[in-house]
Amino acid sequence: MVEIIKALNLTPEQEALVDLHSFLNVLNVLSAEMDLLALHLDRPEPLKRGIGAVHEFARALQDPFQARLWVRDIDAIHQ
């Protein structure tokens, strides 16, 4: 584990990349938990769609243009 114990003095762009990295880690954990749940529940269809959406969102975040499209449609993300 890494612990940050002092200010890093990052540029706004670097801060955004750190935040994005952290968010992608959260999506990976969410995806893994959903996969385990789906395996336990014999992959019900709504859960499969949710897993697909998490994977799609994670891929989109790697492309600035696609990320903007996802963020603009926040209602779709909530669904």
PDB file of N, CA and C in Angstrom:
ATOM      1  N   MET A   1       0.846  -1.164   0.000  1.00  0.00           N
ATOM      2  CA  MET A   1       0.000   0.000   0.000  1.00  0.00           C
ATOM      3  C   MET A   1       0.898   1.236   0.000  1.00  0.00           C
ATOM      4  N   VAL A   2       0.436   2.277  -0.655  1.00  0.00           N
ATOM      5  CA  VAL A   2       1.160   3.540  -0.708  1.00  0.00           C
ATOM      6  C   VAL A   2       0.363   4.576   0.074  1.00  0.00           C
ATOM      7  N   GLU A   3       1.059   5.321   0.905  1.00  0.00           N
ATOM      8  CA  GLU A   3       0.413   6.372   1.679  1.00  0.00           C
ATOM      9  C   GLU A   3       1.063   7.704   1.327  1.00  0.00           C
ATOM     10  N   ILE A   4       0.252   8.681   0.989  1.00  0.00           N
ATOM     11  CA  ILE A   4       0.757  10.024   0.693  1.00  0.00           C
ATOM     12  C   ILE A   4       0.763  10.793   2.002  1.00  0.00           C
ATOM     13  N   ILE A   5       1.948  11.252   2.417  1.00  0.00           N
ATOM     14  CA  ILE A   5       2.076  11.895   3.734  1.00  0.00           C
ATOM     15  C   ILE A   5       2.406  13.378   3.644  1.00  0.00           C
ATOM     16  N   LYS A   6       2.587  13.905   2.426  1.00  0.00           N
ATOM     17  CA  LYS A   6       2.833  15.343   2.281  1.00  0.00           C
ATOM     18  C   LYS A   6       2.254  15.817   0.958  1.00  0.00           C
ATOM     19  N   ALA A   7       2.092  17.113   0.822  1.00  0.00           N
ATOM     20  CA  ALA A   7       1.528  17.693  -0.399  1.00  0.00           C
ATOM     21  C   ALA A   7       2.413  17.335  -1.590  1.00  0.00           C
ATOM     22  N   LEU A   8       1.782  17.022  -2.709  1.00  0.00           N
ATOM     23  CA  LEU A   8       2.523  16.609  -3.894  1.00  0.00           C
ATOM     24  C   LEU A   8       2.794  17.757  -4.868  1.00  0.00           C
ATOM     25  N   ASN A   9       2.098  18.863  -4.712  1.00  0.00           N
ATOM     26  CA  ASN A   9       2.261  20.012  -5.616  1.00  0.00           C
ATOM     27  C   ASN A   9       2.074  19.614  -7.082  1.00  0.00           C
ATOM     28  N   LEU A  10       0.941  19.029  -7.359  1.00  0.00           N
ATOM     29  CA  LEU A  10       0.619  18.585  -8.708  1.00  0.00           C
ATOM     30  C   LEU A  10      -0.033  19.701  -9.509  1.00  0.00           C
ATOM     31  N   THR A  11       0.160  19.648 -10.821  1.00  0.00           N
ATOM     32  CA  THR A  11      -0.561  20.564 -11.698  1.00  0.00           C
ATOM     33  C   THR A  11      -2.014  20.106 -11.753  1.00  0.00           C
ATOM     34  N   PRO A  12      -2.930  20.959 -12.193  1.00  0.00           N
ATOM     35  CA  PRO A  12      -4.333  20.528 -12.329  1.00  0.00           C
ATOM     36  C   PRO A  12      -4.479  19.296 -13.231  1.00  0.00           C
ATOM     37  N   GLU A  13      -3.686  19.223 -14.287  1.00  0.00           N
ATOM     38  CA  GLU A  13      -3.753  18.068 -15.184  1.00  0.00           C
ATOM     39  C   GLU A  13      -3.302  16.797 -14.466  1.00  0.00           C
ATOM     40  N   GLN A  14      -2.245  16.902 -13.674  1.00  0.00           N
ATOM     41  CA  GLN A  14      -1.765  15.751 -12.928  1.00  0.00           C
ATOM     42  C   GLN A  14      -2.782  15.320 -11.875  1.00  0.00           C
ATOM     43  N   GLU A  15      -3.405  16.286 -11.225  1.00  0.00           N
ATOM     44  CA  GLU A  15      -4.446  15.965 -10.242  1.00  0.00           C
ATOM     45  C   GLU A  15      -5.598  15.232 -10.908  1.00  0.00           C
ATOM     46  N   ALA A  16      -5.984  15.694 -12.098  1.00  0.00           N
ATOM     47  CA  ALA A  16      -7.070  15.043 -12.830  1.00  0.00           C
ATOM     48  C   ALA A  16      -6.701  13.599 -13.170  1.00  0.00           C
ATOM     49  N   LEU A  17      -5.456  13.359 -13.560  1.00  0.00           N
ATOM     50  CA  LEU A  17      -5.018  11.997 -13.872  1.00  0.00           C
ATOM     51  C   LEU A  17      -5.022  11.104 -12.632  1.00  0.00           C
ATOM     52  N   VAL A  18      -4.617  11.638 -11.490  1.00  0.00           N
ATOM     53  CA  VAL A  18      -4.655  10.872 -10.245  1.00  0.00           C
ATOM     54  C   VAL A  18      -6.101  10.534  -9.891  1.00  0.00           C
ATOM     55  N   ASP A  19      -6.990  11.527 -10.024  1.00  0.00           N
ATOM     56  CA  ASP A  19      -8.409  11.284  -9.752  1.00  0.00           C
ATOM     57  C   ASP A  19      -8.979  10.234 -10.697  1.00  0.00           C
ATOM     58  N   LEU A  20      -8.622  10.329 -11.974  1.00  0.00           N
ATOM     59  CA  LEU A  20      -9.108   9.358 -12.955  1.00  0.00           C
ATOM     60  C   LEU A  20      -8.600   7.961 -12.617  1.00  0.00           C
ATOM     61  N   HIS A  21      -7.340   7.853 -12.252  1.00  0.00           N
ATOM     62  CA  HIS A  21      -6.771   6.570 -11.869  1.00  0.00           C
ATOM     63  C   HIS A  21      -7.539   5.976 -10.682  1.00  0.00           C
ATOM     64  N   SER A  22      -7.816   6.797  -9.687  1.00  0.00           N
ATOM     65  CA  SER A  22      -8.560   6.330  -8.511  1.00  0.00           C
ATOM     66  C   SER A  22      -9.965   5.885  -8.900  1.00  0.00           C
ATOM     67  N   PHE A  23     -10.610   6.652  -9.761  1.00  0.00           N
ATOM     68  CA  PHE A  23     -11.962   6.307 -10.188  1.00  0.00           C
ATOM     69  C   PHE A  23     -11.971   5.003 -10.982  1.00  0.00           C
ATOM     70  N   LEU A  24     -10.976   4.813 -11.847  1.00  0.00           N
ATOM     71  CA  LEU A  24     -10.893   3.554 -12.597  1.00  0.00           C
ATOM     72  C   LEU A  24     -10.673   2.374 -11.654  1.00  0.00           C
ATOM     73  N   ASN A  25      -9.909   2.589 -10.587  1.00  0.00           N
ATOM     74  CA  ASN A  25      -9.737   1.528  -9.590  1.00  0.00           C
ATOM     75  C   ASN A  25     -11.069   1.174  -8.948  1.00  0.00           C
ATOM     76  N   VAL A  26     -11.868   2.177  -8.639  1.00  0.00           N
ATOM     77  CA  VAL A  26     -13.192   1.933  -8.052  1.00  0.00           C
ATOM     78  C   VAL A  26     -14.061   1.151  -9.038  1.00  0.00           C
ATOM     79  N   LEU A  27     -14.018   1.527 -10.308  1.00  0.00           N
ATOM     80  CA  LEU A  27     -14.801   0.797 -11.316  1.00  0.00           C
ATOM     81  C   LEU A  27     -14.337  -0.653 -11.433  1.00  0.00           C
ATOM     82  N   ASN A  28     -13.043  -0.888 -11.336  1.00  0.00           N
ATOM     83  CA  ASN A  28     -12.534  -2.263 -11.392  1.00  0.00           C
ATOM     84  C   ASN A  28     -13.044  -3.086 -10.219  1.00  0.00           C
ATOM     85  N   VAL A  29     -13.033  -2.510  -9.035  1.00  0.00           N
ATOM     86  CA  VAL A  29     -13.535  -3.217  -7.853  1.00  0.00           C
ATOM     87  C   VAL A  29     -15.034  -3.477  -8.008  1.00  0.00           C
ATOM     88  N   LEU A  30     -15.771  -2.462  -8.452  1.00  0.00           N
ATOM     89  CA  LEU A  30     -17.213  -2.628  -8.672  1.00  0.00           C
ATOM     90  C   LEU A  30     -17.488  -3.735  -9.676  1.00  0.00           C
ATOM     91  N   SER A  31     -16.741  -3.743 -10.764  1.00  0.00           N
ATOM     92  CA  SER A  31     -16.917  -4.766 -11.791  1.00  0.00           C
ATOM     93  C   SER A  31     -16.643  -6.157 -11.230  1.00  0.00           C
ATOM     94  N   ALA A  32     -15.579  -6.295 -10.464  1.00  0.00           N
ATOM     95  CA  ALA A  32     -15.247  -7.597  -9.879  1.00  0.00           C
ATOM     96  C   ALA A  32     -16.332  -8.069  -8.920  1.00  0.00           C
ATOM     97  N   GLU A  33     -16.835  -7.154  -8.101  1.00  0.00           N
ATOM     98  CA  GLU A  33     -17.906  -7.518  -7.163  1.00  0.00           C
ATOM     99  C   GLU A  33     -19.180  -7.914  -7.907  1.00  0.00           C
ATOM    100  N   MET A  34     -19.487  -7.181  -8.966  1.00  0.00           N
ATOM    101  CA  MET A  34     -20.680  -7.515  -9.752  1.00  0.00           C
ATOM    102  C   MET A  34     -20.509  -8.857 -10.455  1.00  0.00           C
ATOM    103  N   ASP A  35     -19.301  -9.138 -10.948  1.00  0.00           N
ATOM    104  CA  ASP A  35     -19.037 -10.437 -11.576  1.00  0.00           C
ATOM    105  C   ASP A  35     -19.246 -11.573 -10.579  1.00  0.00           C
ATOM    106  N   LEU A  36     -18.738 -11.404  -9.356  1.00  0.00           N
ATOM    107  CA  LEU A  36     -18.919 -12.436  -8.331  1.00  0.00           C
ATOM    108  C   LEU A  36     -20.394 -12.634  -7.992  1.00  0.00           C
ATOM    109  N   LEU A  37     -21.113 -11.528  -7.861  1.00  0.00           N
ATOM    110  CA  LEU A  37     -22.538 -11.611  -7.571  1.00  0.00           C
ATOM    111  C   LEU A  37     -23.283 -12.307  -8.710  1.00  0.00           C
ATOM    112  N   ALA A  38     -22.934 -11.935  -9.933  1.00  0.00           N
ATOM    113  CA  ALA A  38     -23.587 -12.554 -11.090  1.00  0.00           C
ATOM    114  C   ALA A  38     -23.295 -14.043 -11.145  1.00  0.00           C
ATOM    115  N   LEU A  39     -22.075 -14.428 -10.828  1.00  0.00           N
ATOM    116  CA  LEU A  39     -21.728 -15.845 -10.810  1.00  0.00           C
ATOM    117  C   LEU A  39     -22.550 -16.582  -9.753  1.00  0.00           C
ATOM    118  N   HIS A  40     -22.673 -15.975  -8.589  1.00  0.00           N
ATOM    119  CA  HIS A  40     -23.442 -16.580  -7.494  1.00  0.00           C
ATOM    120  C   HIS A  40     -24.933 -16.677  -7.842  1.00  0.00           C
ATOM    121  N   LEU A  41     -25.437 -15.665  -8.541  1.00  0.00           N
ATOM    122  CA  LEU A  41     -26.862 -15.634  -8.882  1.00  0.00           C
ATOM    123  C   LEU A  41     -27.147 -16.199 -10.266  1.00  0.00           C
ATOM    124  N   ASP A  42     -26.157 -16.856 -10.871  1.00  0.00           N
ATOM    125  CA  ASP A  42     -26.315 -17.451 -12.195  1.00  0.00           C
ATOM    126  C   ASP A  42     -26.573 -16.395 -13.262  1.00  0.00           C
ATOM    127  N   ARG A  43     -25.900 -15.256 -13.150  1.00  0.00           N
ATOM    128  CA  ARG A  43     -25.884 -14.164 -14.141  1.00  0.00           C
ATOM    129  C   ARG A  43     -27.276 -13.695 -14.601  1.00  0.00           C
ATOM    130  N   PRO A  44     -28.070 -13.146 -13.721  1.00  0.00           N
ATOM    131  CA  PRO A  44     -29.353 -12.590 -14.169  1.00  0.00           C
ATOM    132  C   PRO A  44     -29.115 -11.425 -15.139  1.00  0.00           C
ATOM    133  N   GLU A  45     -30.004 -11.292 -16.068  1.00  0.00           N
ATOM    134  CA  GLU A  45     -29.846 -10.323 -17.161  1.00  0.00           C
ATOM    135  C   GLU A  45     -29.613  -8.876 -16.700  1.00  0.00           C
ATOM    136  N   PRO A  46     -30.374  -8.327 -15.752  1.00  0.00           N
ATOM    137  CA  PRO A  46     -30.117  -6.926 -15.349  1.00  0.00           C
ATOM    138  C   PRO A  46     -28.691  -6.718 -14.824  1.00  0.00           C
ATOM    139  N   LEU A  47     -28.172  -7.693 -14.125  1.00  0.00           N
ATOM    140  CA  LEU A  47     -26.815  -7.581 -13.603  1.00  0.00           C
ATOM    141  C   LEU A  47     -25.793  -7.628 -14.742  1.00  0.00           C
ATOM    142  N   LYS A  48     -26.048  -8.462 -15.740  1.00  0.00           N
ATOM    143  CA  LYS A  48     -25.170  -8.518 -16.905  1.00  0.00           C
ATOM    144  C   LYS A  48     -25.121  -7.179 -17.619  1.00  0.00           C
ATOM    145  N   ARG A  49     -26.265  -6.512 -17.738  1.00  0.00           N
ATOM    146  CA  ARG A  49     -26.288  -5.188 -18.375  1.00  0.00           C
ATOM    147  C   ARG A  49     -25.492  -4.186 -17.552  1.00  0.00           C
ATOM    148  N   GLY A  50     -25.607  -4.268 -16.230  1.00  0.00           N
ATOM    149  CA  GLY A  50     -24.859  -3.368 -15.356  1.00  0.00           C
ATOM    150  C   GLY A  50     -23.358  -3.575 -15.479  1.00  0.00           C
ATOM    151  N   ILE A  51     -22.934  -4.821 -15.530  1.00  0.00           N
ATOM    152  CA  ILE A  51     -21.513  -5.127 -15.695  1.00  0.00           C
ATOM    153  C   ILE A  51     -21.017  -4.571 -17.028  1.00  0.00           C
ATOM    154  N   GLY A  52     -21.805  -4.754 -18.069  1.00  0.00           N
ATOM    155  CA  GLY A  52     -21.439  -4.217 -19.382  1.00  0.00           C
ATOM    156  C   GLY A  52     -21.314  -2.708 -19.362  1.00  0.00           C
ATOM    157  N   ALA A  53     -22.206  -2.045 -18.651  1.00  0.00           N
ATOM    158  CA  ALA A  53     -22.154  -0.582 -18.562  1.00  0.00           C
ATOM    159  C   ALA A  53     -20.911  -0.117 -17.821  1.00  0.00           C
ATOM    160  N   VAL A  54     -20.547  -0.819 -16.754  1.00  0.00           N
ATOM    161  CA  VAL A  54     -19.329  -0.460 -16.010  1.00  0.00           C
ATOM    162  C   VAL A  54     -18.110  -0.603 -16.913  1.00  0.00           C
ATOM    163  N   HIS A  55     -18.031  -1.697 -17.661  1.00  0.00           N
ATOM    164  CA  HIS A  55     -16.897  -1.913 -18.558  1.00  0.00           C
ATOM    165  C   HIS A  55     -16.869  -0.848 -19.659  1.00  0.00           C
ATOM    166  N   GLU A  56     -18.034  -0.546 -20.208  1.00  0.00           N
ATOM    167  CA  GLU A  56     -18.126   0.470 -21.266  1.00  0.00           C
ATOM    168  C   GLU A  56     -17.685   1.838 -20.742  1.00  0.00           C
ATOM    169  N   PHE A  57     -18.120   2.181 -19.549  1.00  0.00           N
ATOM    170  CA  PHE A  57     -17.762   3.464 -18.940  1.00  0.00           C
ATOM    171  C   PHE A  57     -16.258   3.531 -18.692  1.00  0.00           C
ATOM    172  N   ALA A  58     -15.673   2.449 -18.182  1.00  0.00           N
ATOM    173  CA  ALA A  58     -14.226   2.426 -17.928  1.00  0.00           C
ATOM    174  C   ALA A  58     -13.448   2.605 -19.234  1.00  0.00           C
ATOM    175  N   ARG A  59     -13.902   1.955 -20.303  1.00  0.00           N
ATOM    176  CA  ARG A  59     -13.239   2.128 -21.604  1.00  0.00           C
ATOM    177  C   ARG A  59     -13.385   3.557 -22.103  1.00  0.00           C
ATOM    178  N   ALA A  60     -14.564   4.123 -21.939  1.00  0.00           N
ATOM    179  CA  ALA A  60     -14.807   5.489 -22.419  1.00  0.00           C
ATOM    180  C   ALA A  60     -13.927   6.499 -21.691  1.00  0.00           C
ATOM    181  N   LEU A  61     -13.651   6.252 -20.433  1.00  0.00           N
ATOM    182  CA  LEU A  61     -12.835   7.195 -19.657  1.00  0.00           C
ATOM    183  C   LEU A  61     -11.394   7.265 -20.155  1.00  0.00           C
ATOM    184  N   GLN A  62     -10.984   6.304 -20.952  1.00  0.00           N
ATOM    185  CA  GLN A  62      -9.630   6.318 -21.491  1.00  0.00           C
ATOM    186  C   GLN A  62      -9.519   7.179 -22.748  1.00  0.00           C
ATOM    187  N   ASP A  63     -10.644   7.661 -23.246  1.00  0.00           N
ATOM    188  CA  ASP A  63     -10.679   8.518 -24.431  1.00  0.00           C
ATOM    189  C   ASP A  63     -11.406   9.813 -24.048  1.00  0.00           C
ATOM    190  N   PRO A  64     -10.702  10.956 -24.052  1.00  0.00           N
ATOM    191  CA  PRO A  64     -11.333  12.211 -23.599  1.00  0.00           C
ATOM    192  C   PRO A  64     -12.644  12.539 -24.320  1.00  0.00           C
ATOM    193  N   PHE A  65     -12.728  12.282 -25.628  1.00  0.00           N
ATOM    194  CA  PHE A  65     -13.952  12.583 -26.364  1.00  0.00           C
ATOM    195  C   PHE A  65     -15.103  11.712 -25.869  1.00  0.00           C
ATOM    196  N   GLN A  66     -14.849  10.408 -25.738  1.00  0.00           N
ATOM    197  CA  GLN A  66     -15.886   9.501 -25.259  1.00  0.00           C
ATOM    198  C   GLN A  66     -16.285   9.819 -23.823  1.00  0.00           C
ATOM    199  N   ALA A  67     -15.314  10.176 -23.006  1.00  0.00           N
ATOM    200  CA  ALA A  67     -15.612  10.514 -21.607  1.00  0.00           C
ATOM    201  C   ALA A  67     -16.562  11.703 -21.534  1.00  0.00           C
ATOM    202  N   ARG A  68     -16.340  12.710 -22.374  1.00  0.00           N
ATOM    203  CA  ARG A  68     -17.245  13.877 -22.381  1.00  0.00           C
ATOM    204  C   ARG A  68     -18.658  13.472 -22.776  1.00  0.00           C
ATOM    205  N   LEU A  69     -18.772  12.551 -23.735  1.00  0.00           N
ATOM    206  CA  LEU A  69     -20.110  12.100 -24.143  1.00  0.00           C
ATOM    207  C   LEU A  69     -20.830  11.424 -22.980  1.00  0.00           C
ATOM    208  N   TRP A  70     -20.129  10.589 -22.224  1.00  0.00           N
ATOM    209  CA  TRP A  70     -20.742   9.907 -21.081  1.00  0.00           C
ATOM    210  C   TRP A  70     -21.143  10.905 -20.012  1.00  0.00           C
ATOM    211  N   VAL A  71     -20.266  11.833 -19.705  1.00  0.00           N
ATOM    212  CA  VAL A  71     -20.534  12.780 -18.621  1.00  0.00           C
ATOM    213  C   VAL A  71     -21.692  13.713 -18.991  1.00  0.00           C
ATOM    214  N   ARG A  72     -21.822  14.035 -20.259  1.00  0.00           N
ATOM    215  CA  ARG A  72     -22.934  14.899 -20.699  1.00  0.00           C
ATOM    216  C   ARG A  72     -24.282  14.233 -20.472  1.00  0.00           C
ATOM    217  N   ASP A  73     -24.326  12.897 -20.546  1.00  0.00           N
ATOM    218  CA  ASP A  73     -25.580  12.164 -20.395  1.00  0.00           C
ATOM    219  C   ASP A  73     -25.595  11.487 -19.013  1.00  0.00           C
ATOM    220  N   ILE A  74     -25.561  12.295 -17.984  1.00  0.00           N
ATOM    221  CA  ILE A  74     -25.456  11.781 -16.614  1.00  0.00           C
ATOM    222  C   ILE A  74     -26.652  10.908 -16.249  1.00  0.00           C
ATOM    223  N   ASP A  75     -27.817  11.166 -16.827  1.00  0.00           N
ATOM    224  CA  ASP A  75     -28.998  10.327 -16.547  1.00  0.00           C
ATOM    225  C   ASP A  75     -28.766   8.893 -17.003  1.00  0.00           C
ATOM    226  N   ALA A  76     -28.107   8.719 -18.141  1.00  0.00           N
ATOM    227  CA  ALA A  76     -27.820   7.367 -18.633  1.00  0.00           C
ATOM    228  C   ALA A  76     -26.876   6.642 -17.686  1.00  0.00           C
ATOM    229  N   ILE A  77     -25.936   7.366 -17.115  1.00  0.00           N
ATOM    230  CA  ILE A  77     -25.006   6.760 -16.158  1.00  0.00           C
ATOM    231  C   ILE A  77     -25.773   6.304 -14.925  1.00  0.00           C
ATOM    232  N   HIS A  78     -26.680   7.112 -14.454  1.00  0.00           N
ATOM    233  CA  HIS A  78     -27.472   6.758 -13.266  1.00  0.00           C
ATOM    234  C   HIS A  78     -28.303   5.512 -13.513  1.00  0.00           C
ATOM    235  N   GLN A  79     -28.863   5.399 -14.718  1.00  0.00           N
ATOM    236  CA  GLN A  79     -29.690   4.230 -15.040  1.00  0.00           C
ATOM    237  C   GLN A  79     -28.834   2.991 -15.055  1.00  0.00           C
TER     238      GLN A  79
END
